[in-house]
């Protein structure tokens, strides 16, 4: 059974993230290469995202879906595409 939003947000807080919120992207949304000042995590509730680290010499795209956790190191450049069904995920910063 899928986690509720409240359960998922509590889980992300338990990983040590103080700023936690749930975000929903529309189908096929795209985030061009960018970075954040601090480490971030993403816990996928439904839908999927595809991500890559475009500055890596062997950059590949990886798709993740419900239940997956994706951590991004501080200042790590990443690019994201949202799947055709959209995506809802909990973000921890």
PDB file of N, CA and C in Angstrom:
ATOM      1  N   UNK A   1       0.845  -1.202   0.000  1.00  0.00           N
ATOM      2  CA  UNK A   1       0.000   0.000   0.000  1.00  0.00           C
ATOM      3  C   UNK A   1       0.878   1.249   0.000  1.00  0.00           C
ATOM      4  N   UNK A   2       0.480   2.230  -0.776  1.00  0.00           N
ATOM      5  CA  UNK A   2       1.256   3.468  -0.875  1.00  0.00           C
ATOM      6  C   UNK A   2       1.173   4.263   0.430  1.00  0.00           C
ATOM      7  N   UNK A   3       2.224   4.991   0.712  1.00  0.00           N
ATOM      8  CA  UNK A   3       2.258   5.856   1.892  1.00  0.00           C
ATOM      9  C   UNK A   3       1.343   7.048   1.671  1.00  0.00           C
ATOM     10  N   UNK A   4       0.765   7.544   2.753  1.00  0.00           N
ATOM     11  CA  UNK A   4       0.020   8.799   2.669  1.00  0.00           C
ATOM     12  C   UNK A   4       1.037   9.944   2.610  1.00  0.00           C
ATOM     13  N   UNK A   5       0.580  11.094   2.207  1.00  0.00           N
ATOM     14  CA  UNK A   5       1.451  12.278   2.160  1.00  0.00           C
ATOM     15  C   UNK A   5       2.045  12.541   3.540  1.00  0.00           C
ATOM     16  N   UNK A   6       1.218  12.460   4.573  1.00  0.00           N
ATOM     17  CA  UNK A   6       1.681  12.733   5.943  1.00  0.00           C
ATOM     18  C   UNK A   6       2.750  11.722   6.367  1.00  0.00           C
ATOM     19  N   UNK A   7       2.526  10.445   6.063  1.00  0.00           N
ATOM     20  CA  UNK A   7       3.514   9.407   6.401  1.00  0.00           C
ATOM     21  C   UNK A   7       4.827   9.641   5.659  1.00  0.00           C
ATOM     22  N   UNK A   8       4.723   9.974   4.382  1.00  0.00           N
ATOM     23  CA  UNK A   8       5.921  10.206   3.571  1.00  0.00           C
ATOM     24  C   UNK A   8       6.693  11.422   4.075  1.00  0.00           C
ATOM     25  N   UNK A   9       5.985  12.502   4.423  1.00  0.00           N
ATOM     26  CA  UNK A   9       6.666  13.689   4.944  1.00  0.00           C
ATOM     27  C   UNK A   9       7.355  13.382   6.271  1.00  0.00           C
ATOM     28  N   UNK A  10       6.715  12.586   7.132  1.00  0.00           N
ATOM     29  CA  UNK A  10       7.337  12.186   8.400  1.00  0.00           C
ATOM     30  C   UNK A  10       8.598  11.363   8.153  1.00  0.00           C
ATOM     31  N   UNK A  11       8.524  10.468   7.170  1.00  0.00           N
ATOM     32  CA  UNK A  11       9.692   9.640   6.845  1.00  0.00           C
ATOM     33  C   UNK A  11      10.862  10.505   6.392  1.00  0.00           C
ATOM     34  N   UNK A  12      10.601  11.480   5.518  1.00  0.00           N
ATOM     35  CA  UNK A  12      11.671  12.349   5.028  1.00  0.00           C
ATOM     36  C   UNK A  12      12.246  13.176   6.182  1.00  0.00           C
ATOM     37  N   UNK A  13      11.405  13.655   7.089  1.00  0.00           N
ATOM     38  CA  UNK A  13      11.905  14.375   8.268  1.00  0.00           C
ATOM     39  C   UNK A  13      12.828  13.476   9.097  1.00  0.00           C
ATOM     40  N   UNK A  14      12.481  12.175   9.179  1.00  0.00           N
ATOM     41  CA  UNK A  14      13.277  11.240   9.982  1.00  0.00           C
ATOM     42  C   UNK A  14      14.674  11.037   9.383  1.00  0.00           C
ATOM     43  N   UNK A  15      14.855  11.394   8.119  1.00  0.00           N
ATOM     44  CA  UNK A  15      16.159  11.292   7.468  1.00  0.00           C
ATOM     45  C   UNK A  15      17.048  12.497   7.794  1.00  0.00           C
ATOM     46  N   UNK A  16      16.517  13.463   8.556  1.00  0.00           N
ATOM     47  CA  UNK A  16      17.317  14.609   8.977  1.00  0.00           C
ATOM     48  C   UNK A  16      17.085  15.891   8.207  1.00  0.00           C
ATOM     49  N   UNK A  17      16.023  15.943   7.408  1.00  0.00           N
ATOM     50  CA  UNK A  17      15.713  17.158   6.644  1.00  0.00           C
ATOM     51  C   UNK A  17      14.695  17.993   7.419  1.00  0.00           C
ATOM     52  N   UNK A  18      14.996  19.280   7.597  1.00  0.00           N
ATOM     53  CA  UNK A  18      14.122  20.160   8.371  1.00  0.00           C
ATOM     54  C   UNK A  18      13.010  20.781   7.540  1.00  0.00           C
ATOM     55  N   UNK A  19      13.314  21.140   6.288  1.00  0.00           N
ATOM     56  CA  UNK A  19      12.305  21.745   5.414  1.00  0.00           C
ATOM     57  C   UNK A  19      11.773  20.639   4.508  1.00  0.00           C
ATOM     58  N   UNK A  20      10.529  20.226   4.748  1.00  0.00           N
ATOM     59  CA  UNK A  20       9.927  19.096   4.029  1.00  0.00           C
ATOM     60  C   UNK A  20       8.578  19.531   3.467  1.00  0.00           C
ATOM     61  N   UNK A  21       8.342  19.234   2.199  1.00  0.00           N
ATOM     62  CA  UNK A  21       7.055  19.582   1.576  1.00  0.00           C
ATOM     63  C   UNK A  21       6.765  18.625   0.429  1.00  0.00           C
ATOM     64  N   UNK A  22       5.497  18.543   0.062  1.00  0.00           N
ATOM     65  CA  UNK A  22       5.079  17.698  -1.058  1.00  0.00           C
ATOM     66  C   UNK A  22       4.842  18.579  -2.273  1.00  0.00           C
ATOM     67  N   UNK A  23       5.303  18.109  -3.410  1.00  0.00           N
ATOM     68  CA  UNK A  23       5.250  18.872  -4.661  1.00  0.00           C
ATOM     69  C   UNK A  23       4.668  17.987  -5.758  1.00  0.00           C
ATOM     70  N   UNK A  24       3.859  18.575  -6.625  1.00  0.00           N
ATOM     71  CA  UNK A  24       3.317  17.852  -7.776  1.00  0.00           C
ATOM     72  C   UNK A  24       3.693  18.590  -9.047  1.00  0.00           C
ATOM     73  N   UNK A  25       4.249  17.847  -9.991  1.00  0.00           N
ATOM     74  CA  UNK A  25       4.588  18.398 -11.304  1.00  0.00           C
ATOM     75  C   UNK A  25       3.592  17.903 -12.330  1.00  0.00           C
ATOM     76  N   UNK A  26       3.317  18.754 -13.307  1.00  0.00           N
ATOM     77  CA  UNK A  26       2.426  18.367 -14.396  1.00  0.00           C
ATOM     78  C   UNK A  26       3.153  17.428 -15.351  1.00  0.00           C
ATOM     79  N   UNK A  27       2.396  16.670 -16.140  1.00  0.00           N
ATOM     80  CA  UNK A  27       3.005  15.749 -17.099  1.00  0.00           C
ATOM     81  C   UNK A  27       4.010  16.455 -18.006  1.00  0.00           C
ATOM     82  N   UNK A  28       5.127  15.779 -18.237  1.00  0.00           N
ATOM     83  CA  UNK A  28       6.162  16.238 -19.162  1.00  0.00           C
ATOM     84  C   UNK A  28       6.848  17.544 -18.767  1.00  0.00           C
ATOM     85  N   UNK A  29       6.747  17.936 -17.497  1.00  0.00           N
ATOM     86  CA  UNK A  29       7.466  19.130 -17.043  1.00  0.00           C
ATOM     87  C   UNK A  29       8.972  18.879 -17.174  1.00  0.00           C
ATOM     88  N   UNK A  30       9.739  19.951 -17.290  1.00  0.00           N
ATOM     89  CA  UNK A  30      11.197  19.838 -17.452  1.00  0.00           C
ATOM     90  C   UNK A  30      11.873  20.893 -16.594  1.00  0.00           C
ATOM     91  N   UNK A  31      12.891  20.477 -15.866  1.00  0.00           N
ATOM     92  CA  UNK A  31      13.726  21.393 -15.098  1.00  0.00           C
ATOM     93  C   UNK A  31      15.112  21.371 -15.744  1.00  0.00           C
ATOM     94  N   UNK A  32      15.504  22.464 -16.412  1.00  0.00           N
ATOM     95  CA  UNK A  32      16.817  22.491 -17.050  1.00  0.00           C
ATOM     96  C   UNK A  32      17.930  22.333 -16.002  1.00  0.00           C
ATOM     97  N   UNK A  33      19.164  22.125 -16.454  1.00  0.00           N
ATOM     98  CA  UNK A  33      20.260  21.936 -15.497  1.00  0.00           C
ATOM     99  C   UNK A  33      20.292  23.043 -14.440  1.00  0.00           C
ATOM    100  N   UNK A  34      20.371  22.632 -13.188  1.00  0.00           N
ATOM    101  CA  UNK A  34      20.392  23.567 -12.062  1.00  0.00           C
ATOM    102  C   UNK A  34      21.031  22.880 -10.855  1.00  0.00           C
ATOM    103  N   UNK A  35      21.245  23.656  -9.794  1.00  0.00           N
ATOM    104  CA  UNK A  35      21.799  23.096  -8.566  1.00  0.00           C
ATOM    105  C   UNK A  35      21.187  23.820  -7.372  1.00  0.00           C
ATOM    106  N   UNK A  36      21.341  23.218  -6.199  1.00  0.00           N
ATOM    107  CA  UNK A  36      20.836  23.799  -4.954  1.00  0.00           C
ATOM    108  C   UNK A  36      22.009  23.993  -4.000  1.00  0.00           C
ATOM    109  N   UNK A  37      21.874  24.944  -3.075  1.00  0.00           N
ATOM    110  CA  UNK A  37      22.976  25.230  -2.155  1.00  0.00           C
ATOM    111  C   UNK A  37      23.188  24.112  -1.139  1.00  0.00           C
ATOM    112  N   UNK A  38      22.123  23.378  -0.808  1.00  0.00           N
ATOM    113  CA  UNK A  38      22.233  22.293   0.161  1.00  0.00           C
ATOM    114  C   UNK A  38      21.795  20.966  -0.429  1.00  0.00           C
ATOM    115  N   UNK A  39      22.047  19.888   0.311  1.00  0.00           N
ATOM    116  CA  UNK A  39      21.609  18.559  -0.112  1.00  0.00           C
ATOM    117  C   UNK A  39      20.088  18.509  -0.137  1.00  0.00           C
ATOM    118  N   UNK A  40      19.526  17.846  -1.144  1.00  0.00           N
ATOM    119  CA  UNK A  40      18.077  17.651  -1.225  1.00  0.00           C
ATOM    120  C   UNK A  40      17.779  16.164  -1.395  1.00  0.00           C
ATOM    121  N   UNK A  41      16.577  15.769  -0.983  1.00  0.00           N
ATOM    122  CA  UNK A  41      16.113  14.406  -1.217  1.00  0.00           C
ATOM    123  C   UNK A  41      14.718  14.463  -1.805  1.00  0.00           C
ATOM    124  N   UNK A  42      14.356  13.409  -2.515  1.00  0.00           N
ATOM    125  CA  UNK A  42      13.050  13.305  -3.158  1.00  0.00           C
ATOM    126  C   UNK A  42      12.522  11.905  -2.912  1.00  0.00           C
ATOM    127  N   UNK A  43      11.314  11.789  -2.393  1.00  0.00           N
ATOM    128  CA  UNK A  43      10.654  10.498  -2.189  1.00  0.00           C
ATOM    129  C   UNK A  43       9.429  10.487  -3.097  1.00  0.00           C
ATOM    130  N   UNK A  44       9.439   9.617  -4.090  1.00  0.00           N
ATOM    131  CA  UNK A  44       8.377   9.600  -5.099  1.00  0.00           C
ATOM    132  C   UNK A  44       7.129   8.922  -4.537  1.00  0.00           C
ATOM    133  N   UNK A  45       5.994   9.631  -4.611  1.00  0.00           N
ATOM    134  CA  UNK A  45       4.716   9.072  -4.150  1.00  0.00           C
ATOM    135  C   UNK A  45       3.953   8.438  -5.309  1.00  0.00           C
ATOM    136  N   UNK A  46       3.875   9.141  -6.430  1.00  0.00           N
ATOM    137  CA  UNK A  46       3.255   8.555  -7.619  1.00  0.00           C
ATOM    138  C   UNK A  46       3.790   9.227  -8.861  1.00  0.00           C
ATOM    139  N   UNK A  47       3.672   8.536  -9.979  1.00  0.00           N
ATOM    140  CA  UNK A  47       4.243   9.030 -11.217  1.00  0.00           C
ATOM    141  C   UNK A  47       5.721   8.680 -11.299  1.00  0.00           C
ATOM    142  N   UNK A  48       6.443   9.398 -12.161  1.00  0.00           N
ATOM    143  CA  UNK A  48       7.862   9.115 -12.337  1.00  0.00           C
ATOM    144  C   UNK A  48       8.618  10.367 -12.742  1.00  0.00           C
ATOM    145  N   UNK A  49       9.919  10.335 -12.486  1.00  0.00           N
ATOM    146  CA  UNK A  49      10.818  11.367 -12.990  1.00  0.00           C
ATOM    147  C   UNK A  49      12.031  10.679 -13.607  1.00  0.00           C
ATOM    148  N   UNK A  50      12.625  11.388 -14.532  1.00  0.00           N
ATOM    149  CA  UNK A  50      13.862  10.959 -15.179  1.00  0.00           C
ATOM    150  C   UNK A  50      14.884  12.038 -14.836  1.00  0.00           C
ATOM    151  N   UNK A  51      16.055  11.619 -14.365  1.00  0.00           N
ATOM    152  CA  UNK A  51      17.063  12.621 -14.027  1.00  0.00           C
ATOM    153  C   UNK A  51      18.415  12.239 -14.605  1.00  0.00           C
ATOM    154  N   UNK A  52      19.259  13.261 -14.715  1.00  0.00           N
ATOM    155  CA  UNK A  52      20.641  13.058 -15.133  1.00  0.00           C
ATOM    156  C   UNK A  52      21.503  14.118 -14.473  1.00  0.00           C
ATOM    157  N   UNK A  53      22.800  13.858 -14.481  1.00  0.00           N
ATOM    158  CA  UNK A  53      23.797  14.830 -14.032  1.00  0.00           C
ATOM    159  C   UNK A  53      24.581  15.225 -15.279  1.00  0.00           C
ATOM    160  N   UNK A  54      24.140  16.288 -15.989  1.00  0.00           N
ATOM    161  CA  UNK A  54      24.675  16.592 -17.324  1.00  0.00           C
ATOM    162  C   UNK A  54      26.166  16.917 -17.359  1.00  0.00           C
ATOM    163  N   UNK A  55      26.751  17.320 -16.244  1.00  0.00           N
ATOM    164  CA  UNK A  55      28.176  17.656 -16.247  1.00  0.00           C
ATOM    165  C   UNK A  55      29.071  16.442 -16.025  1.00  0.00           C
ATOM    166  N   UNK A  56      28.484  15.298 -15.687  1.00  0.00           N
ATOM    167  CA  UNK A  56      29.282  14.087 -15.493  1.00  0.00           C
ATOM    168  C   UNK A  56      29.761  13.579 -16.850  1.00  0.00           C
ATOM    169  N   UNK A  57      31.005  13.124 -16.937  1.00  0.00           N
ATOM    170  CA  UNK A  57      31.518  12.656 -18.229  1.00  0.00           C
ATOM    171  C   UNK A  57      30.738  11.468 -18.797  1.00  0.00           C
ATOM    172  N   UNK A  58      30.190  10.637 -17.925  1.00  0.00           N
ATOM    173  CA  UNK A  58      29.437   9.460 -18.383  1.00  0.00           C
ATOM    174  C   UNK A  58      27.953   9.597 -18.047  1.00  0.00           C
ATOM    175  N   UNK A  59      27.426  10.814 -18.221  1.00  0.00           N
ATOM    176  CA  UNK A  59      26.046  11.110 -17.835  1.00  0.00           C
ATOM    177  C   UNK A  59      25.051  10.173 -18.522  1.00  0.00           C
ATOM    178  N   UNK A  60      24.185   9.581 -17.713  1.00  0.00           N
ATOM    179  CA  UNK A  60      23.102   8.752 -18.228  1.00  0.00           C
ATOM    180  C   UNK A  60      21.813   9.230 -17.575  1.00  0.00           C
ATOM    181  N   UNK A  61      20.692   8.835 -18.153  1.00  0.00           N
ATOM    182  CA  UNK A  61      19.392   9.181 -17.583  1.00  0.00           C
ATOM    183  C   UNK A  61      18.869   7.987 -16.800  1.00  0.00           C
ATOM    184  N   UNK A  62      18.291   8.260 -15.637  1.00  0.00           N
ATOM    185  CA  UNK A  62      17.707   7.203 -14.808  1.00  0.00           C
ATOM    186  C   UNK A  62      16.258   7.564 -14.512  1.00  0.00           C
ATOM    187  N   UNK A  63      15.377   6.576 -14.613  1.00  0.00           N
ATOM    188  CA  UNK A  63      13.959   6.776 -14.314  1.00  0.00           C
ATOM    189  C   UNK A  63      13.646   6.143 -12.962  1.00  0.00           C
ATOM    190  N   UNK A  64      12.938   6.894 -12.117  1.00  0.00           N
ATOM    191  CA  UNK A  64      12.508   6.361 -10.815  1.00  0.00           C
ATOM    192  C   UNK A  64      11.021   6.601 -10.636  1.00  0.00           C
ATOM    193  N   UNK A  65      10.387   5.731  -9.852  1.00  0.00           N
ATOM    194  CA  UNK A  65       8.952   5.818  -9.644  1.00  0.00           C
ATOM    195  C   UNK A  65       8.580   5.665  -8.187  1.00  0.00           C
ATOM    196  N   UNK A  66       7.316   5.332  -7.912  1.00  0.00           N
ATOM    197  CA  UNK A  66       6.783   5.287  -6.554  1.00  0.00           C
ATOM    198  C   UNK A  66       7.648   4.470  -5.590  1.00  0.00           C
ATOM    199  N   UNK A  67       7.919   5.101  -4.431  1.00  0.00           N
ATOM    200  CA  UNK A  67       8.704   4.457  -3.389  1.00  0.00           C
ATOM    201  C   UNK A  67      10.188   4.718  -3.481  1.00  0.00           C
ATOM    202  N   UNK A  68      10.652   5.242  -4.613  1.00  0.00           N
ATOM    203  CA  UNK A  68      12.088   5.486  -4.791  1.00  0.00           C
ATOM    204  C   UNK A  68      12.512   6.760  -4.075  1.00  0.00           C
ATOM    205  N   UNK A  69      13.745   6.722  -3.569  1.00  0.00           N
ATOM    206  CA  UNK A  69      14.366   7.895  -2.952  1.00  0.00           C
ATOM    207  C   UNK A  69      15.522   8.328  -3.843  1.00  0.00           C
ATOM    208  N   UNK A  70      15.613   9.649  -4.076  1.00  0.00           N
ATOM    209  CA  UNK A  70      16.698  10.205  -4.873  1.00  0.00           C
ATOM    210  C   UNK A  70      17.314  11.355  -4.104  1.00  0.00           C
ATOM    211  N   UNK A  71      18.599  11.240  -3.773  1.00  0.00           N
ATOM    212  CA  UNK A  71      19.334  12.296  -3.077  1.00  0.00           C
ATOM    213  C   UNK A  71      20.222  13.033  -4.066  1.00  0.00           C
ATOM    214  N   UNK A  72      20.301  14.356  -3.905  1.00  0.00           N
ATOM    215  CA  UNK A  72      21.167  15.174  -4.741  1.00  0.00           C
ATOM    216  C   UNK A  72      22.098  15.950  -3.817  1.00  0.00           C
ATOM    217  N   UNK A  73      23.396  15.758  -4.017  1.00  0.00           N
ATOM    218  CA  UNK A  73      24.376  16.466  -3.198  1.00  0.00           C
ATOM    219  C   UNK A  73      24.304  17.969  -3.422  1.00  0.00           C
ATOM    220  N   UNK A  74      24.696  18.735  -2.411  1.00  0.00           N
ATOM    221  CA  UNK A  74      24.757  20.190  -2.527  1.00  0.00           C
ATOM    222  C   UNK A  74      25.621  20.575  -3.721  1.00  0.00           C
ATOM    223  N   UNK A  75      25.153  21.551  -4.464  1.00  0.00           N
ATOM    224  CA  UNK A  75      25.867  22.125  -5.613  1.00  0.00           C
ATOM    225  C   UNK A  75      26.080  21.151  -6.779  1.00  0.00           C
ATOM    226  N   UNK A  76      25.390  20.001  -6.775  1.00  0.00           N
ATOM    227  CA  UNK A  76      25.494  19.026  -7.866  1.00  0.00           C
ATOM    228  C   UNK A  76      24.502  19.416  -8.965  1.00  0.00           C
ATOM    229  N   UNK A  77      25.003  19.677 -10.166  1.00  0.00           N
ATOM    230  CA  UNK A  77      24.130  20.073 -11.275  1.00  0.00           C
ATOM    231  C   UNK A  77      23.338  18.851 -11.743  1.00  0.00           C
ATOM    232  N   UNK A  78      22.015  19.035 -11.838  1.00  0.00           N
ATOM    233  CA  UNK A  78      21.137  17.952 -12.273  1.00  0.00           C
ATOM    234  C   UNK A  78      20.038  18.519 -13.167  1.00  0.00           C
ATOM    235  N   UNK A  79      19.461  17.633 -13.987  1.00  0.00           N
ATOM    236  CA  UNK A  79      18.377  18.001 -14.900  1.00  0.00           C
ATOM    237  C   UNK A  79      17.280  16.957 -14.748  1.00  0.00           C
ATOM    238  N   UNK A  80      16.030  17.410 -14.807  1.00  0.00           N
ATOM    239  CA  UNK A  80      14.907  16.511 -14.523  1.00  0.00           C
ATOM    240  C   UNK A  80      13.805  16.665 -15.570  1.00  0.00           C
ATOM    241  N   UNK A  81      13.251  15.510 -15.967  1.00  0.00           N
ATOM    242  CA  UNK A  81      12.059  15.451 -16.809  1.00  0.00           C
ATOM    243  C   UNK A  81      11.004  14.668 -16.048  1.00  0.00           C
ATOM    244  N   UNK A  82       9.771  15.143 -16.091  1.00  0.00           N
ATOM    245  CA  UNK A  82       8.659  14.462 -15.419  1.00  0.00           C
ATOM    246  C   UNK A  82       7.986  13.543 -16.432  1.00  0.00           C
ATOM    247  N   UNK A  83       7.555  12.381 -15.975  1.00  0.00           N
ATOM    248  CA  UNK A  83       6.901  11.409 -16.842  1.00  0.00           C
ATOM    249  C   UNK A  83       5.569  11.900 -17.388  1.00  0.00           C
ATOM    250  N   UNK A  84       5.035  11.161 -18.328  1.00  0.00           N
ATOM    251  CA  UNK A  84       3.804  11.574 -19.019  1.00  0.00           C
ATOM    252  C   UNK A  84       2.578  11.581 -18.110  1.00  0.00           C
ATOM    253  N   UNK A  85       2.674  10.910 -16.946  1.00  0.00           N
ATOM    254  CA  UNK A  85       1.544  10.894 -15.999  1.00  0.00           C
ATOM    255  C   UNK A  85       1.691  11.957 -14.909  1.00  0.00           C
ATOM    256  N   UNK A  86       2.762  12.767 -14.971  1.00  0.00           N
ATOM    257  CA  UNK A  86       3.037  13.726 -13.909  1.00  0.00           C
ATOM    258  C   UNK A  86       3.730  13.022 -12.759  1.00  0.00           C
ATOM    259  N   UNK A  87       3.999  13.757 -11.676  1.00  0.00           N
ATOM    260  CA  UNK A  87       4.696  13.156 -10.539  1.00  0.00           C
ATOM    261  C   UNK A  87       4.418  13.952  -9.276  1.00  0.00           C
ATOM    262  N   UNK A  88       4.159  13.228  -8.188  1.00  0.00           N
ATOM    263  CA  UNK A  88       4.042  13.842  -6.870  1.00  0.00           C
ATOM    264  C   UNK A  88       5.136  13.246  -5.999  1.00  0.00           C
ATOM    265  N   UNK A  89       5.869  14.110  -5.304  1.00  0.00           N
ATOM    266  CA  UNK A  89       6.960  13.646  -4.481  1.00  0.00           C
ATOM    267  C   UNK A  89       7.167  14.548  -3.280  1.00  0.00           C
ATOM    268  N   UNK A  90       7.761  13.978  -2.235  1.00  0.00           N
ATOM    269  CA  UNK A  90       8.108  14.744  -1.042  1.00  0.00           C
ATOM    270  C   UNK A  90       9.559  15.187  -1.191  1.00  0.00           C
ATOM    271  N   UNK A  91       9.794  16.455  -0.963  1.00  0.00           N
ATOM    272  CA  UNK A  91      11.142  17.032  -1.050  1.00  0.00           C
ATOM    273  C   UNK A  91      11.610  17.359   0.363  1.00  0.00           C
ATOM    274  N   UNK A  92      12.856  17.009   0.641  1.00  0.00           N
ATOM    275  CA  UNK A  92      13.504  17.410   1.890  1.00  0.00           C
ATOM    276  C   UNK A  92      14.711  18.245   1.577  1.00  0.00           C
ATOM    277  N   UNK A  93      14.833  19.366   2.294  1.00  0.00           N
ATOM    278  CA  UNK A  93      15.970  20.260   2.102  1.00  0.00           C
ATOM    279  C   UNK A  93      16.637  20.552   3.431  1.00  0.00           C
TER     280      UNK A  93
END
